[in-house]
Amino acid sequence: MFRLPQRPTRPTRQRVGQRRTVEQRWSLVALVFTVVIIVLLVGLSLWIMYYVHYNMLGL
């Protein structure tokens, strides 16, 4: 009986591509987390300095 040729599978390449996608996603998560932390630190520091200055004026 005649058999159709099977497609060669390349699981190694698929895993490498998936691994790269997961690594890119975690890199993006780490970048977003870092940006959020820096914005919070700078923003809250400015807010504290403003209110300390306001309270030191005695208004």
Foldseek 3Di string as FASTA:
>chain_A
DDDDDDDDDDVPVVVVVVVVVVVVVVVVVVVVVVVVVVCVVVVVVVVVVVVVVVVVVVD
